[in-house]
N, C-alpha and C. Protein backbone atom coordinates (compact mmCIF):
# COMPACT_ATOMS: atom_id res chain seq x y z
N MET A 1 62.45 103.13 48.74
CA MET A 1 63.87 103.10 48.36
C MET A 1 63.95 103.07 46.83
N ILE A 2 64.74 103.96 46.27
CA ILE A 2 64.88 104.06 44.82
C ILE A 2 66.12 103.30 44.38
N LYS A 3 65.93 102.38 43.46
CA LYS A 3 67.06 101.59 42.93
C LYS A 3 67.71 102.38 41.80
N ILE A 4 69.02 102.60 41.92
CA ILE A 4 69.76 103.33 40.89
C ILE A 4 70.89 102.44 40.40
N LYS A 5 70.96 102.28 39.09
CA LYS A 5 71.98 101.42 38.48
C LYS A 5 73.36 102.05 38.59
N GLN A 6 73.44 103.38 38.41
CA GLN A 6 74.72 104.06 38.38
C GLN A 6 75.35 104.15 39.77
N ALA A 7 76.68 104.24 39.80
CA ALA A 7 77.37 104.54 41.05
C ALA A 7 77.14 106.03 41.32
N VAL A 8 76.85 106.36 42.56
CA VAL A 8 76.53 107.75 42.92
C VAL A 8 77.76 108.38 43.59
N ILE A 9 78.14 109.55 43.11
CA ILE A 9 79.30 110.26 43.65
C ILE A 9 78.81 111.45 44.46
N VAL A 10 79.20 111.48 45.74
CA VAL A 10 78.89 112.62 46.62
C VAL A 10 80.17 113.08 47.28
N GLU A 11 80.10 114.23 47.97
CA GLU A 11 81.32 114.78 48.56
C GLU A 11 81.74 114.12 49.87
N GLY A 12 80.85 114.04 50.83
CA GLY A 12 81.26 113.59 52.16
C GLY A 12 80.39 112.50 52.75
N LYS A 13 80.80 112.05 53.95
CA LYS A 13 80.11 110.91 54.58
C LYS A 13 78.69 111.25 54.99
N TYR A 14 78.41 112.51 55.34
CA TYR A 14 77.04 112.86 55.73
C TYR A 14 76.12 112.92 54.52
N ASP A 15 76.68 113.31 53.36
CA ASP A 15 75.91 113.24 52.11
C ASP A 15 75.57 111.79 51.80
N LYS A 16 76.56 110.92 52.00
CA LYS A 16 76.36 109.49 51.74
C LYS A 16 75.27 108.92 52.66
N ILE A 17 75.33 109.27 53.94
CA ILE A 17 74.32 108.79 54.90
C ILE A 17 72.93 109.23 54.47
N LYS A 18 72.82 110.49 54.04
CA LYS A 18 71.53 111.03 53.59
C LYS A 18 71.02 110.22 52.40
N LEU A 19 71.86 110.01 51.40
CA LEU A 19 71.42 109.30 50.19
C LEU A 19 71.10 107.84 50.47
N GLU A 20 71.82 107.23 51.41
CA GLU A 20 71.55 105.83 51.74
C GLU A 20 70.14 105.63 52.29
N SER A 21 69.55 106.71 52.81
CA SER A 21 68.17 106.61 53.32
C SER A 21 67.15 106.75 52.19
N ILE A 22 67.62 107.10 50.98
CA ILE A 22 66.72 107.37 49.85
C ILE A 22 66.93 106.39 48.70
N VAL A 23 68.19 106.04 48.43
CA VAL A 23 68.48 105.22 47.25
C VAL A 23 69.20 103.93 47.60
N ASP A 24 68.97 102.94 46.76
CA ASP A 24 69.71 101.69 46.83
C ASP A 24 70.71 101.75 45.69
N ALA A 25 71.95 102.07 46.02
CA ALA A 25 72.99 102.24 45.00
C ALA A 25 74.35 102.17 45.67
N LEU A 26 75.37 102.00 44.87
CA LEU A 26 76.74 102.12 45.36
C LEU A 26 77.05 103.60 45.45
N ILE A 27 77.38 104.09 46.65
CA ILE A 27 77.63 105.52 46.86
C ILE A 27 79.09 105.69 47.24
N ILE A 28 79.79 106.53 46.48
CA ILE A 28 81.22 106.79 46.69
C ILE A 28 81.40 108.23 47.11
N THR A 29 82.20 108.47 48.16
CA THR A 29 82.49 109.84 48.58
C THR A 29 83.82 110.30 47.98
N THR A 30 83.87 111.58 47.65
CA THR A 30 85.13 112.15 47.15
C THR A 30 86.01 112.61 48.30
N ASP A 31 85.45 112.66 49.51
CA ASP A 31 86.13 113.23 50.67
C ASP A 31 86.60 114.65 50.34
N GLY A 32 85.66 115.42 49.80
CA GLY A 32 85.96 116.80 49.42
C GLY A 32 87.01 116.85 48.33
N PHE A 33 87.98 117.75 48.50
CA PHE A 33 89.03 117.93 47.50
C PHE A 33 90.08 116.82 47.53
N GLU A 34 89.97 115.86 48.46
CA GLU A 34 90.92 114.74 48.50
C GLU A 34 90.92 113.97 47.17
N ILE A 35 89.80 114.02 46.46
CA ILE A 35 89.71 113.30 45.19
C ILE A 35 90.76 113.78 44.19
N PHE A 36 91.18 115.04 44.30
CA PHE A 36 92.18 115.58 43.37
C PHE A 36 93.53 114.88 43.52
N LYS A 37 93.78 114.29 44.71
CA LYS A 37 95.07 113.64 44.97
C LYS A 37 94.97 112.11 45.01
N ASP A 38 93.75 111.60 44.98
CA ASP A 38 93.55 110.16 45.18
C ASP A 38 93.41 109.43 43.84
N SER A 39 94.55 109.06 43.26
CA SER A 39 94.54 108.42 41.93
C SER A 39 93.86 107.05 41.98
N GLU A 40 93.97 106.34 43.10
CA GLU A 40 93.32 105.03 43.23
C GLU A 40 91.81 105.15 43.18
N LYS A 41 91.28 106.13 43.91
CA LYS A 41 89.83 106.31 43.92
C LYS A 41 89.35 106.76 42.55
N MET A 42 90.12 107.63 41.87
CA MET A 42 89.73 108.08 40.54
C MET A 42 89.74 106.90 39.55
N ALA A 43 90.70 106.01 39.70
CA ALA A 43 90.75 104.83 38.82
C ALA A 43 89.50 103.97 39.05
N MET A 44 89.09 103.84 40.31
CA MET A 44 87.88 103.07 40.63
C MET A 44 86.66 103.76 40.04
N ILE A 45 86.58 105.09 40.16
CA ILE A 45 85.45 105.84 39.62
C ILE A 45 85.38 105.68 38.10
N ARG A 46 86.53 105.72 37.43
CA ARG A 46 86.54 105.53 35.97
C ARG A 46 86.01 104.14 35.60
N ARG A 47 86.43 103.15 36.37
CA ARG A 47 85.96 101.78 36.09
C ARG A 47 84.46 101.66 36.31
N LEU A 48 83.97 102.25 37.40
CA LEU A 48 82.53 102.23 37.67
C LEU A 48 81.76 102.94 36.56
N ALA A 49 82.33 104.05 36.06
CA ALA A 49 81.69 104.78 34.97
C ALA A 49 81.56 103.89 33.74
N GLU A 50 82.61 103.14 33.44
CA GLU A 50 82.59 102.27 32.25
C GLU A 50 81.58 101.13 32.39
N THR A 51 81.47 100.58 33.59
CA THR A 51 80.59 99.41 33.77
C THR A 51 79.14 99.80 34.00
N ASN A 52 78.89 100.80 34.85
CA ASN A 52 77.51 101.13 35.22
C ASN A 52 77.10 102.58 34.97
N GLY A 53 78.07 103.43 34.70
CA GLY A 53 77.76 104.86 34.61
C GLY A 53 77.86 105.50 35.98
N LEU A 54 77.90 106.83 35.99
CA LEU A 54 78.00 107.60 37.24
C LEU A 54 76.84 108.57 37.35
N LEU A 55 76.42 108.80 38.56
CA LEU A 55 75.51 109.90 38.86
C LEU A 55 76.25 110.80 39.84
N ILE A 56 76.49 112.04 39.44
CA ILE A 56 77.20 112.98 40.31
C ILE A 56 76.19 113.90 40.99
N MET A 57 76.25 113.92 42.33
CA MET A 57 75.39 114.81 43.11
C MET A 57 76.25 115.49 44.17
N THR A 58 76.81 116.63 43.80
CA THR A 58 77.63 117.40 44.75
C THR A 58 76.84 118.60 45.22
N ASP A 59 77.37 119.31 46.22
CA ASP A 59 76.72 120.51 46.72
C ASP A 59 76.67 121.56 45.62
N SER A 60 75.80 122.55 45.79
CA SER A 60 75.63 123.58 44.77
C SER A 60 76.50 124.80 45.02
N ASP A 61 77.61 124.62 45.74
CA ASP A 61 78.53 125.74 45.97
C ASP A 61 79.74 125.61 45.04
N VAL A 62 80.66 126.55 45.15
CA VAL A 62 81.84 126.56 44.27
C VAL A 62 82.63 125.26 44.40
N ALA A 63 82.84 124.80 45.64
CA ALA A 63 83.60 123.57 45.86
C ALA A 63 82.92 122.38 45.18
N GLY A 64 81.61 122.28 45.33
CA GLY A 64 80.86 121.19 44.72
C GLY A 64 80.99 121.18 43.21
N PHE A 65 80.94 122.38 42.61
CA PHE A 65 81.07 122.46 41.15
C PHE A 65 82.48 122.15 40.68
N LYS A 66 83.49 122.49 41.50
CA LYS A 66 84.87 122.14 41.14
C LYS A 66 85.05 120.63 41.12
N ILE A 67 84.52 119.97 42.13
CA ILE A 67 84.63 118.51 42.22
C ILE A 67 83.86 117.85 41.06
N ARG A 68 82.66 118.34 40.79
CA ARG A 68 81.84 117.83 39.68
C ARG A 68 82.59 117.97 38.35
N SER A 69 83.18 119.14 38.15
CA SER A 69 83.90 119.42 36.92
C SER A 69 85.13 118.52 36.77
N TYR A 70 85.84 118.31 37.87
CA TYR A 70 87.04 117.46 37.85
C TYR A 70 86.69 116.03 37.45
N ILE A 71 85.65 115.49 38.06
CA ILE A 71 85.24 114.11 37.74
C ILE A 71 84.71 114.05 36.32
N SER A 72 83.90 115.03 35.93
CA SER A 72 83.34 115.05 34.57
C SER A 72 84.44 115.10 33.52
N GLY A 73 85.52 115.80 33.81
CA GLY A 73 86.62 115.91 32.87
C GLY A 73 87.48 114.66 32.80
N SER A 74 87.28 113.75 33.76
CA SER A 74 88.11 112.54 33.83
C SER A 74 87.40 111.30 33.32
N VAL A 75 86.12 111.45 32.98
CA VAL A 75 85.29 110.30 32.61
C VAL A 75 84.56 110.63 31.30
N ASP A 76 84.32 109.62 30.50
CA ASP A 76 83.58 109.78 29.25
C ASP A 76 82.22 110.43 29.54
N SER A 77 81.92 111.54 28.87
CA SER A 77 80.72 112.32 29.20
C SER A 77 79.41 111.56 29.01
N ASP A 78 79.39 110.57 28.10
CA ASP A 78 78.13 109.85 27.93
C ASP A 78 77.90 108.79 29.01
N LYS A 79 78.82 108.69 29.96
CA LYS A 79 78.67 107.75 31.08
C LYS A 79 78.21 108.46 32.36
N ILE A 80 77.95 109.79 32.25
CA ILE A 80 77.66 110.58 33.44
C ILE A 80 76.24 111.16 33.42
N PHE A 81 75.58 111.06 34.56
CA PHE A 81 74.32 111.75 34.79
C PHE A 81 74.60 112.80 35.87
N HIS A 82 73.99 113.95 35.74
CA HIS A 82 74.19 115.01 36.73
C HIS A 82 72.87 115.29 37.45
N ALA A 83 72.92 115.24 38.78
CA ALA A 83 71.77 115.62 39.60
C ALA A 83 72.17 116.88 40.36
N TYR A 84 71.38 117.92 40.23
CA TYR A 84 71.68 119.21 40.87
C TYR A 84 70.65 119.50 41.95
N ILE A 85 71.16 119.78 43.15
CA ILE A 85 70.24 120.19 44.22
C ILE A 85 70.05 121.70 44.10
N PRO A 86 68.88 122.20 44.52
CA PRO A 86 68.63 123.64 44.41
C PRO A 86 69.44 124.43 45.44
N ASP A 87 69.62 125.72 45.15
CA ASP A 87 70.26 126.62 46.12
C ASP A 87 69.26 126.92 47.23
N ILE A 88 69.56 126.46 48.42
CA ILE A 88 68.70 126.76 49.58
C ILE A 88 69.61 127.32 50.66
N LEU A 89 69.30 128.51 51.12
CA LEU A 89 70.11 129.12 52.17
C LEU A 89 69.79 128.47 53.51
N GLY A 90 70.82 128.28 54.32
CA GLY A 90 70.64 127.68 55.64
C GLY A 90 71.89 126.92 56.04
N LYS A 91 71.79 126.23 57.19
CA LYS A 91 72.91 125.41 57.63
C LYS A 91 72.37 124.10 58.21
N GLU A 92 73.19 123.09 58.10
CA GLU A 92 72.81 121.78 58.62
C GLU A 92 72.82 121.82 60.15
N PRO A 93 71.87 121.15 60.81
CA PRO A 93 71.79 121.18 62.28
C PRO A 93 73.07 120.73 62.98
N ARG A 94 73.83 119.80 62.39
CA ARG A 94 75.03 119.30 63.06
C ARG A 94 76.17 120.31 63.03
N LYS A 95 76.08 121.33 62.18
CA LYS A 95 77.17 122.29 62.03
C LYS A 95 76.97 123.50 62.92
N GLU A 96 78.10 124.02 63.43
CA GLU A 96 78.04 125.22 64.25
C GLU A 96 77.69 126.44 63.41
N LYS A 97 78.34 126.53 62.23
CA LYS A 97 78.00 127.62 61.32
C LYS A 97 77.87 127.07 59.91
N GLY A 98 77.17 127.81 59.07
CA GLY A 98 76.91 127.37 57.70
C GLY A 98 78.15 127.41 56.82
N SER A 99 77.97 127.00 55.58
CA SER A 99 79.08 127.01 54.61
C SER A 99 79.42 128.46 54.25
N LYS A 100 80.55 128.63 53.58
CA LYS A 100 81.00 129.96 53.16
C LYS A 100 79.91 130.71 52.39
N GLU A 101 79.22 129.99 51.52
CA GLU A 101 78.19 130.61 50.68
C GLU A 101 76.81 130.59 51.35
N GLY A 102 76.73 129.97 52.51
CA GLY A 102 75.47 129.95 53.25
C GLY A 102 74.40 129.03 52.69
N LYS A 103 74.81 128.07 51.83
CA LYS A 103 73.84 127.17 51.20
C LYS A 103 73.86 125.80 51.86
N LEU A 104 72.71 125.15 51.85
CA LEU A 104 72.64 123.77 52.34
C LEU A 104 73.34 122.85 51.35
N GLY A 105 74.03 121.85 51.88
CA GLY A 105 74.64 120.84 51.03
C GLY A 105 73.66 119.69 50.83
N VAL A 106 74.11 118.65 50.16
CA VAL A 106 73.26 117.48 49.89
C VAL A 106 72.66 116.94 51.19
N GLU A 107 73.47 116.88 52.24
CA GLU A 107 72.97 116.31 53.51
C GLU A 107 71.83 117.11 54.12
N GLY A 108 71.77 118.42 53.83
CA GLY A 108 70.75 119.27 54.46
C GLY A 108 69.50 119.49 53.65
N VAL A 109 69.51 119.11 52.39
CA VAL A 109 68.36 119.33 51.50
C VAL A 109 67.28 118.30 51.81
N PRO A 110 66.02 118.73 51.85
CA PRO A 110 64.94 117.76 52.11
C PRO A 110 64.95 116.60 51.10
N SER A 111 64.62 115.42 51.58
CA SER A 111 64.63 114.21 50.74
C SER A 111 63.78 114.37 49.49
N LYS A 112 62.65 115.04 49.62
CA LYS A 112 61.75 115.24 48.47
C LYS A 112 62.48 115.95 47.33
N LEU A 113 63.31 116.95 47.67
CA LEU A 113 64.04 117.69 46.64
C LEU A 113 65.15 116.84 46.01
N ILE A 114 65.72 115.94 46.81
CA ILE A 114 66.73 115.03 46.26
C ILE A 114 66.07 114.09 45.25
N VAL A 115 64.89 113.56 45.60
CA VAL A 115 64.17 112.68 44.67
C VAL A 115 63.84 113.44 43.38
N GLU A 116 63.42 114.69 43.50
CA GLU A 116 63.12 115.50 42.31
C GLU A 116 64.38 115.70 41.46
N ALA A 117 65.52 115.92 42.12
CA ALA A 117 66.79 116.09 41.38
C ALA A 117 67.16 114.80 40.65
N LEU A 118 66.90 113.66 41.28
CA LEU A 118 67.16 112.37 40.64
C LEU A 118 66.25 112.17 39.43
N GLU A 119 64.98 112.57 39.58
CA GLU A 119 64.04 112.45 38.46
C GLU A 119 64.49 113.31 37.29
N ARG A 120 64.92 114.56 37.58
CA ARG A 120 65.39 115.45 36.51
C ARG A 120 66.65 114.90 35.84
N ALA A 121 67.48 114.18 36.61
CA ALA A 121 68.70 113.60 36.06
C ALA A 121 68.41 112.40 35.15
N GLY A 122 67.20 111.86 35.28
CA GLY A 122 66.79 110.74 34.42
C GLY A 122 67.27 109.38 34.85
N VAL A 123 67.47 109.20 36.15
CA VAL A 123 67.99 107.89 36.61
C VAL A 123 66.97 107.04 37.35
N ILE A 124 65.85 107.59 37.74
CA ILE A 124 64.94 106.85 38.61
C ILE A 124 64.30 105.64 37.96
N CYS A 125 63.87 105.75 36.76
CA CYS A 125 63.16 104.63 36.14
C CYS A 125 64.08 103.75 35.32
N GLU A 126 65.35 103.73 35.68
CA GLU A 126 66.31 102.86 34.99
C GLU A 126 65.89 101.40 35.16
N VAL A 127 65.99 100.65 34.10
CA VAL A 127 65.80 99.22 34.20
C VAL A 127 67.15 98.65 34.60
N VAL A 128 67.20 98.00 35.73
CA VAL A 128 68.47 97.51 36.24
C VAL A 128 68.69 96.08 35.78
N ASP A 129 69.79 95.86 35.07
CA ASP A 129 70.17 94.49 34.71
C ASP A 129 70.59 93.81 36.00
N SER A 130 69.85 92.82 36.40
CA SER A 130 70.21 92.19 37.67
C SER A 130 71.09 90.98 37.42
N LYS A 131 72.39 91.26 37.27
CA LYS A 131 73.30 90.12 37.17
C LYS A 131 73.46 89.57 38.58
N PRO A 132 73.54 88.27 38.71
CA PRO A 132 73.60 87.70 40.06
C PRO A 132 74.85 88.15 40.81
N ALA A 133 74.65 88.50 42.07
CA ALA A 133 75.78 88.93 42.91
C ALA A 133 76.50 87.70 43.44
N PHE A 134 77.79 87.60 43.13
CA PHE A 134 78.55 86.45 43.60
C PHE A 134 79.31 86.77 44.88
N MET A 135 79.56 88.06 45.14
CA MET A 135 80.33 88.44 46.32
C MET A 135 79.41 88.81 47.47
N THR A 136 79.76 88.27 48.65
CA THR A 136 79.02 88.59 49.88
C THR A 136 80.05 88.82 50.98
N LYS A 137 79.60 89.36 52.10
CA LYS A 137 80.52 89.53 53.23
C LYS A 137 81.00 88.17 53.74
N TYR A 138 80.12 87.17 53.65
CA TYR A 138 80.53 85.83 54.07
C TYR A 138 81.63 85.30 53.16
N ARG A 139 81.50 85.58 51.88
CA ARG A 139 82.55 85.09 50.96
C ARG A 139 83.87 85.80 51.23
N LEU A 140 83.83 87.09 51.56
CA LEU A 140 85.07 87.78 51.94
C LEU A 140 85.73 87.03 53.09
N TYR A 141 84.91 86.61 54.06
CA TYR A 141 85.41 85.86 55.21
C TYR A 141 85.95 84.49 54.78
N SER A 142 85.16 83.76 54.00
CA SER A 142 85.58 82.40 53.63
C SER A 142 86.79 82.40 52.70
N ASP A 143 86.97 83.47 51.94
CA ASP A 143 88.15 83.58 51.07
C ASP A 143 89.36 84.16 51.81
N GLY A 144 89.17 84.45 53.12
CA GLY A 144 90.29 84.91 53.94
C GLY A 144 90.58 86.40 53.86
N ILE A 145 89.65 87.16 53.28
CA ILE A 145 89.89 88.60 53.11
C ILE A 145 89.45 89.39 54.36
N SER A 146 88.62 88.78 55.17
CA SER A 146 88.24 89.44 56.43
C SER A 146 88.06 88.38 57.51
N GLY A 147 88.25 88.80 58.77
CA GLY A 147 87.98 87.94 59.91
C GLY A 147 89.02 86.90 60.28
N ASN A 148 90.14 86.85 59.57
CA ASN A 148 91.19 85.89 59.89
C ASN A 148 92.47 86.61 60.32
N SER A 149 93.41 85.87 60.88
CA SER A 149 94.62 86.50 61.43
C SER A 149 95.45 87.26 60.39
N ASP A 150 95.55 86.72 59.18
CA ASP A 150 96.35 87.44 58.17
C ASP A 150 95.47 88.07 57.08
N SER A 151 94.21 88.32 57.42
CA SER A 151 93.27 88.91 56.46
C SER A 151 93.71 90.28 55.97
N SER A 152 94.26 91.10 56.87
CA SER A 152 94.58 92.47 56.47
C SER A 152 95.62 92.50 55.36
N LYS A 153 96.63 91.62 55.43
CA LYS A 153 97.66 91.56 54.38
C LYS A 153 97.04 91.14 53.04
N LEU A 154 96.22 90.08 53.11
CA LEU A 154 95.59 89.57 51.89
C LEU A 154 94.65 90.61 51.29
N ARG A 155 93.92 91.29 52.16
CA ARG A 155 92.97 92.31 51.68
C ARG A 155 93.70 93.45 50.97
N VAL A 156 94.81 93.92 51.55
CA VAL A 156 95.60 94.99 50.94
C VAL A 156 96.07 94.56 49.55
N GLU A 157 96.56 93.32 49.45
CA GLU A 157 97.06 92.83 48.17
C GLU A 157 95.93 92.63 47.16
N LEU A 158 94.77 92.20 47.64
CA LEU A 158 93.61 92.05 46.75
C LEU A 158 93.19 93.40 46.20
N LEU A 159 93.13 94.40 47.07
CA LEU A 159 92.75 95.74 46.63
C LEU A 159 93.74 96.27 45.59
N LYS A 160 95.02 96.00 45.81
CA LYS A 160 96.04 96.40 44.82
C LYS A 160 95.79 95.70 43.49
N ALA A 161 95.55 94.40 43.57
CA ALA A 161 95.34 93.62 42.34
C ALA A 161 94.10 94.06 41.57
N LEU A 162 93.12 94.58 42.29
CA LEU A 162 91.89 95.06 41.65
C LEU A 162 91.97 96.56 41.32
N SER A 163 93.11 97.20 41.66
CA SER A 163 93.29 98.65 41.47
C SER A 163 92.22 99.45 42.21
N LEU A 164 91.98 99.05 43.46
CA LEU A 164 90.99 99.73 44.31
C LEU A 164 91.71 100.41 45.47
N PRO A 165 91.11 101.48 46.02
CA PRO A 165 91.72 102.18 47.16
C PRO A 165 91.79 101.30 48.40
N GLU A 166 92.89 101.40 49.15
CA GLU A 166 93.07 100.51 50.30
C GLU A 166 92.13 100.80 51.45
N ARG A 167 91.51 102.00 51.48
CA ARG A 167 90.60 102.33 52.59
C ARG A 167 89.15 101.95 52.33
N LEU A 168 88.89 101.19 51.28
CA LEU A 168 87.52 100.79 50.95
C LEU A 168 86.97 99.89 52.06
N SER A 169 85.77 100.20 52.55
CA SER A 169 85.17 99.38 53.61
C SER A 169 84.72 98.04 53.04
N ALA A 170 84.48 97.08 53.93
CA ALA A 170 84.04 95.74 53.50
C ALA A 170 82.72 95.83 52.73
N ASN A 171 81.77 96.63 53.22
CA ASN A 171 80.48 96.77 52.54
C ASN A 171 80.66 97.34 51.14
N SER A 172 81.49 98.38 51.03
CA SER A 172 81.74 98.97 49.71
C SER A 172 82.48 98.00 48.81
N LEU A 173 83.40 97.24 49.36
CA LEU A 173 84.16 96.27 48.58
C LEU A 173 83.22 95.24 47.96
N VAL A 174 82.27 94.74 48.73
CA VAL A 174 81.30 93.77 48.21
C VAL A 174 80.55 94.37 47.04
N LYS A 175 80.06 95.61 47.20
CA LYS A 175 79.29 96.27 46.13
C LYS A 175 80.14 96.53 44.90
N VAL A 176 81.34 97.06 45.10
CA VAL A 176 82.20 97.40 43.96
C VAL A 176 82.57 96.14 43.18
N ILE A 177 82.92 95.07 43.88
CA ILE A 177 83.28 93.82 43.20
C ILE A 177 82.08 93.31 42.40
N ASN A 178 80.89 93.27 43.02
CA ASN A 178 79.70 92.78 42.32
C ASN A 178 79.35 93.63 41.10
N GLU A 179 79.57 94.93 41.20
CA GLU A 179 79.14 95.82 40.12
C GLU A 179 80.17 96.02 39.04
N SER A 180 81.46 95.79 39.34
CA SER A 180 82.49 96.14 38.37
C SER A 180 83.38 94.99 37.90
N TYR A 181 83.29 93.85 38.55
CA TYR A 181 84.19 92.75 38.21
C TYR A 181 83.40 91.47 37.99
N SER A 182 83.91 90.65 37.10
CA SER A 182 83.33 89.31 36.94
C SER A 182 83.93 88.42 38.03
N GLU A 183 83.32 87.27 38.24
CA GLU A 183 83.86 86.35 39.25
C GLU A 183 85.25 85.87 38.82
N GLU A 184 85.46 85.71 37.52
CA GLU A 184 86.77 85.28 37.02
C GLU A 184 87.84 86.33 37.33
N GLU A 185 87.50 87.61 37.13
CA GLU A 185 88.45 88.69 37.43
C GLU A 185 88.78 88.72 38.92
N TYR A 186 87.75 88.52 39.74
CA TYR A 186 87.95 88.49 41.19
C TYR A 186 88.88 87.34 41.58
N LEU A 187 88.60 86.14 41.06
CA LEU A 187 89.41 84.97 41.41
C LEU A 187 90.86 85.13 40.96
N SER A 188 91.04 85.73 39.80
CA SER A 188 92.39 85.97 39.30
C SER A 188 93.13 86.95 40.21
N ALA A 189 92.45 88.01 40.65
CA ALA A 189 93.06 88.99 41.56
C ALA A 189 93.35 88.35 42.91
N LEU A 190 92.45 87.49 43.39
CA LEU A 190 92.65 86.80 44.67
C LEU A 190 93.88 85.89 44.61
N GLU A 191 94.03 85.18 43.51
CA GLU A 191 95.19 84.30 43.34
C GLU A 191 96.48 85.13 43.34
N LYS A 192 96.46 86.25 42.64
CA LYS A 192 97.62 87.14 42.59
C LYS A 192 97.94 87.66 43.99
N ALA A 193 96.90 88.03 44.75
CA ALA A 193 97.07 88.54 46.12
C ALA A 193 97.69 87.46 47.01
N ARG A 194 97.21 86.23 46.87
CA ARG A 194 97.74 85.14 47.70
C ARG A 194 99.20 84.86 47.38
N GLU A 195 99.55 84.93 46.09
CA GLU A 195 100.93 84.73 45.67
C GLU A 195 101.86 85.77 46.29
N SER A 196 101.39 87.02 46.33
CA SER A 196 102.25 88.11 46.79
C SER A 196 102.49 88.11 48.30
N ILE A 197 101.70 87.35 49.07
CA ILE A 197 101.95 87.31 50.53
C ILE A 197 102.65 86.02 50.95
N LYS A 198 102.97 85.18 49.99
CA LYS A 198 103.67 83.92 50.34
C LYS A 198 105.08 84.19 50.79
C-alpha cells in the first residue's frame, strides 16, 4: 500500500475502488461532469489543495482531460500533481461496451501502470507529516453525528458549517476532517451545528 499525502481526485466510484487497493490516501470522486455543477465539492477540493495538495488522476480521454483542466483552473497550480495513465485500447470487464474513444479508464488499467504513473507524478516518496488524527468513526457517534435519532439533522448542519458536501460518507468525513481541519475548527463547527438545530 502506497501512502500519499495529497488528496487524490478521480472521476468515478470504480476508479476510487481501484485506487483504494493501491494507495492509502483520501480519494475524492468528481462523479464525472457533476463536478462542474457541484460548488460544495469544489470548495472542499480547494480546501484540500491548500492543506495537503491534490493529485489528479483522470481517464486519458477527452472527458478526463476536461475534468482535469477544470479542476486545475480552479486551484493554485503549485498545489497540484498530475498522474497520467497511458492510452490503452480495450474495455473494462464490467462494461457491456467500451468508452467512446475505446480506451481503458483508471479502473481498467493494470495496477503496475498506475504505480508507475504515481512515480512519474512524484508523489510516492512523499514524507508524510503525521499529525495525530483526532476524528474517528466512534467520535462521530459520541458527538451525535451518526448512530443517534437526530444524527442526520446534526450531520447536515455540521457539513454546512464545515462547507462540505452533504453526500459525504462517514468514512470520507473522518478523513476530510482529519486532513483539513484542526480540532478547534471542528469543535467550533459542531457548536454552530448544534445551535442551528435547537
